[in-house]
Amino acid sequence: MFIRATEMNPTDMTLVGLFAVNRNLFKSLIATMVTYLVVLLQFQISIPEDQGSTNSTNV
């Protein structure tokens, strides 16, 4: 009943008047975090594990 009431009468909340705090904001935040994690995982996969052997020189 509470969820239905809040869906029918959404509150208008703003953060210091800069932007509205609503469901779209949370959806955007989640999408941004997922995208950031995917990029981090791609960089982690592309890093070779044995970097010491490629930089060794014989004197």
N, C-alpha and C. Protein backbone atom coordinates (compact mmCIF):
# COMPACT_ATOMS: atom_id res chain seq x y z
N MET A 1 0.82 -1.18 0.00
CA MET A 1 0.00 0.00 0.00
C MET A 1 0.87 1.26 0.00
N PHE A 2 1.96 1.25 0.75
CA PHE A 2 2.85 2.41 0.79
C PHE A 2 3.52 2.61 -0.56
N ILE A 3 3.95 1.53 -1.19
CA ILE A 3 4.61 1.64 -2.49
C ILE A 3 3.66 2.20 -3.53
N ARG A 4 2.44 1.73 -3.53
CA ARG A 4 1.45 2.23 -4.48
C ARG A 4 1.18 3.72 -4.23
N ALA A 5 1.11 4.11 -2.98
CA ALA A 5 0.85 5.52 -2.66
C ALA A 5 2.01 6.40 -3.12
N THR A 6 3.24 5.92 -2.96
CA THR A 6 4.38 6.72 -3.41
C THR A 6 4.49 6.76 -4.93
N GLU A 7 4.04 5.71 -5.60
CA GLU A 7 4.05 5.73 -7.06
C GLU A 7 3.01 6.71 -7.60
N MET A 8 1.88 6.78 -6.95
CA MET A 8 0.81 7.67 -7.41
C MET A 8 1.12 9.13 -7.10
N ASN A 9 1.81 9.40 -5.99
CA ASN A 9 2.15 10.76 -5.57
C ASN A 9 3.66 10.87 -5.32
N PRO A 10 4.45 10.95 -6.38
CA PRO A 10 5.90 11.02 -6.16
C PRO A 10 6.29 12.35 -5.51
N THR A 11 7.28 12.29 -4.67
CA THR A 11 7.76 13.51 -4.01
C THR A 11 8.78 14.19 -4.91
N ASP A 12 8.85 15.49 -4.79
CA ASP A 12 9.83 16.27 -5.54
C ASP A 12 10.98 16.61 -4.62
N MET A 13 12.08 15.89 -4.79
CA MET A 13 13.26 16.12 -3.97
C MET A 13 14.38 16.60 -4.87
N THR A 14 15.10 17.60 -4.41
CA THR A 14 16.27 18.08 -5.14
C THR A 14 17.45 18.13 -4.19
N LEU A 15 18.61 18.02 -4.77
CA LEU A 15 19.83 18.12 -3.99
C LEU A 15 20.38 19.53 -4.14
N VAL A 16 20.14 20.35 -3.16
CA VAL A 16 20.54 21.74 -3.11
C VAL A 16 20.10 22.49 -4.38
N GLY A 17 19.00 22.06 -4.96
CA GLY A 17 18.48 22.72 -6.14
C GLY A 17 19.24 22.42 -7.42
N LEU A 18 20.24 21.52 -7.37
CA LEU A 18 21.05 21.24 -8.55
C LEU A 18 20.39 20.22 -9.48
N PHE A 19 19.89 19.13 -8.90
CA PHE A 19 19.24 18.12 -9.72
C PHE A 19 18.23 17.37 -8.88
N ALA A 20 17.29 16.74 -9.56
CA ALA A 20 16.21 16.02 -8.88
C ALA A 20 16.71 14.65 -8.44
N VAL A 21 16.30 14.26 -7.24
CA VAL A 21 16.62 12.94 -6.72
C VAL A 21 15.38 12.08 -6.91
N ASN A 22 15.46 11.16 -7.89
CA ASN A 22 14.33 10.30 -8.19
C ASN A 22 14.83 8.96 -8.71
N ARG A 23 13.92 8.15 -9.21
CA ARG A 23 14.31 6.81 -9.69
C ARG A 23 15.25 6.88 -10.88
N ASN A 24 15.06 7.87 -11.75
CA ASN A 24 15.94 8.00 -12.91
C ASN A 24 17.38 8.24 -12.48
N LEU A 25 17.57 8.98 -11.42
CA LEU A 25 18.91 9.22 -10.90
C LEU A 25 19.54 7.91 -10.46
N PHE A 26 18.81 7.09 -9.73
CA PHE A 26 19.35 5.83 -9.26
C PHE A 26 19.62 4.87 -10.41
N LYS A 27 18.77 4.86 -11.41
CA LYS A 27 19.01 4.03 -12.60
C LYS A 27 20.29 4.47 -13.30
N SER A 28 20.48 5.77 -13.41
CA SER A 28 21.68 6.29 -14.05
C SER A 28 22.93 5.95 -13.26
N LEU A 29 22.84 6.05 -11.94
CA LEU A 29 23.99 5.71 -11.10
C LEU A 29 24.36 4.24 -11.23
N ILE A 30 23.39 3.36 -11.24
CA ILE A 30 23.66 1.93 -11.38
C ILE A 30 24.26 1.64 -12.75
N ALA A 31 23.72 2.26 -13.80
CA ALA A 31 24.26 2.04 -15.15
C ALA A 31 25.70 2.53 -15.25
N THR A 32 25.99 3.65 -14.62
CA THR A 32 27.36 4.18 -14.63
C THR A 32 28.31 3.27 -13.90
N MET A 33 27.90 2.76 -12.74
CA MET A 33 28.76 1.86 -11.98
C MET A 33 29.02 0.55 -12.72
N VAL A 34 28.00 0.01 -13.36
CA VAL A 34 28.18 -1.23 -14.12
C VAL A 34 29.13 -1.00 -15.29
N THR A 35 28.98 0.11 -15.98
CA THR A 35 29.88 0.43 -17.10
C THR A 35 31.31 0.57 -16.61
N TYR A 36 31.50 1.25 -15.50
CA TYR A 36 32.83 1.44 -14.92
C TYR A 36 33.45 0.10 -14.55
N LEU A 37 32.66 -0.80 -13.95
CA LEU A 37 33.18 -2.11 -13.58
C LEU A 37 33.55 -2.94 -14.80
N VAL A 38 32.77 -2.85 -15.87
CA VAL A 38 33.10 -3.58 -17.10
C VAL A 38 34.42 -3.08 -17.67
N VAL A 39 34.63 -1.77 -17.68
CA VAL A 39 35.89 -1.22 -18.19
C VAL A 39 37.05 -1.67 -17.32
N LEU A 40 36.89 -1.65 -16.00
CA LEU A 40 37.95 -2.12 -15.11
C LEU A 40 38.27 -3.59 -15.33
N LEU A 41 37.25 -4.40 -15.51
CA LEU A 41 37.48 -5.82 -15.78
C LEU A 41 38.21 -6.03 -17.10
N GLN A 42 37.89 -5.25 -18.11
CA GLN A 42 38.58 -5.38 -19.38
C GLN A 42 40.05 -5.01 -19.26
N PHE A 43 40.37 -3.99 -18.49
CA PHE A 43 41.77 -3.64 -18.27
C PHE A 43 42.47 -4.72 -17.46
N GLN A 44 41.81 -5.28 -16.49
CA GLN A 44 42.40 -6.33 -15.66
C GLN A 44 42.69 -7.56 -16.50
N ILE A 45 41.83 -7.91 -17.43
CA ILE A 45 42.04 -9.07 -18.28
C ILE A 45 43.19 -8.83 -19.25
N SER A 46 43.38 -7.60 -19.71
CA SER A 46 44.40 -7.31 -20.71
C SER A 46 45.80 -7.21 -20.11
N ILE A 47 45.95 -7.13 -18.81
CA ILE A 47 47.27 -7.03 -18.18
C ILE A 47 47.88 -8.42 -18.12
N PRO A 48 49.09 -8.60 -18.70
CA PRO A 48 49.74 -9.91 -18.61
C PRO A 48 50.17 -10.21 -17.18
N GLU A 49 50.10 -11.48 -16.81
CA GLU A 49 50.40 -11.84 -15.43
C GLU A 49 51.89 -11.89 -15.14
N ASP A 50 52.72 -12.29 -16.10
CA ASP A 50 54.16 -12.42 -15.86
C ASP A 50 54.86 -11.27 -16.54
N GLN A 51 54.88 -10.12 -15.91
CA GLN A 51 55.52 -8.95 -16.50
C GLN A 51 57.02 -8.93 -16.24
N GLY A 52 57.50 -9.66 -15.24
CA GLY A 52 58.92 -9.66 -14.90
C GLY A 52 59.79 -10.29 -15.97
N SER A 53 59.33 -11.31 -16.67
CA SER A 53 60.16 -11.99 -17.64
C SER A 53 60.34 -11.19 -18.92
N THR A 54 59.45 -10.28 -19.25
CA THR A 54 59.57 -9.49 -20.49
C THR A 54 60.54 -8.33 -20.32
N ASN A 55 60.82 -7.91 -19.09
CA ASN A 55 61.70 -6.77 -18.86
C ASN A 55 63.10 -7.17 -18.40
N SER A 56 63.40 -8.44 -18.37
CA SER A 56 64.70 -8.88 -17.87
C SER A 56 65.76 -8.75 -18.97
N THR A 57 66.96 -8.32 -18.58
CA THR A 57 68.08 -8.21 -19.51
C THR A 57 69.25 -9.01 -18.97
N ASN A 58 70.03 -9.58 -19.85
CA ASN A 58 71.21 -10.34 -19.45
C ASN A 58 72.44 -9.44 -19.54
N VAL A 59 73.22 -9.39 -18.47
CA VAL A 59 74.40 -8.53 -18.44
C VAL A 59 75.62 -9.37 -18.57
